[in-house]
């Protein structure tokens, strides 16, 4: 069992920056090593969509085309956290951002499979970008 807790987010103007963090707890670190973690987002009236993913061990990140070059995902294995640095924000980035963990996350993201397949979710944090 993995518990995810997001922090950060808030309100920014278009062109501005915000950062999100997600702390993982509950399972042993040896289990974490089999996971990938990432971020999804859901805007009002829209489906939840993938944003970015990172492998817990080794290298490897993956981004949605809509955020590539603007968002950066990183991890701190010592603190069991991942972060999402969001730059050059646009009004269309406005959404509730959810932290996710699943060993299949890269496959789900790359093959655009159902987001409901993800095993673990955080509670979500609001990001609002004004024009």
Foldseek 3Di string as FASTA:
>chain_A
DKAKAKDWADEAAQQAKTKMKIAIDDDDVVVLQLKKKAKWWDDPPDDIAGAKIFHLDDGDIDGDPVQPPFKDWDDDSVRRMIMIIGGSDDQVVWTWMKMFMDSCVVVCRVVVNDPVVTDYIYPTDTHGYHD
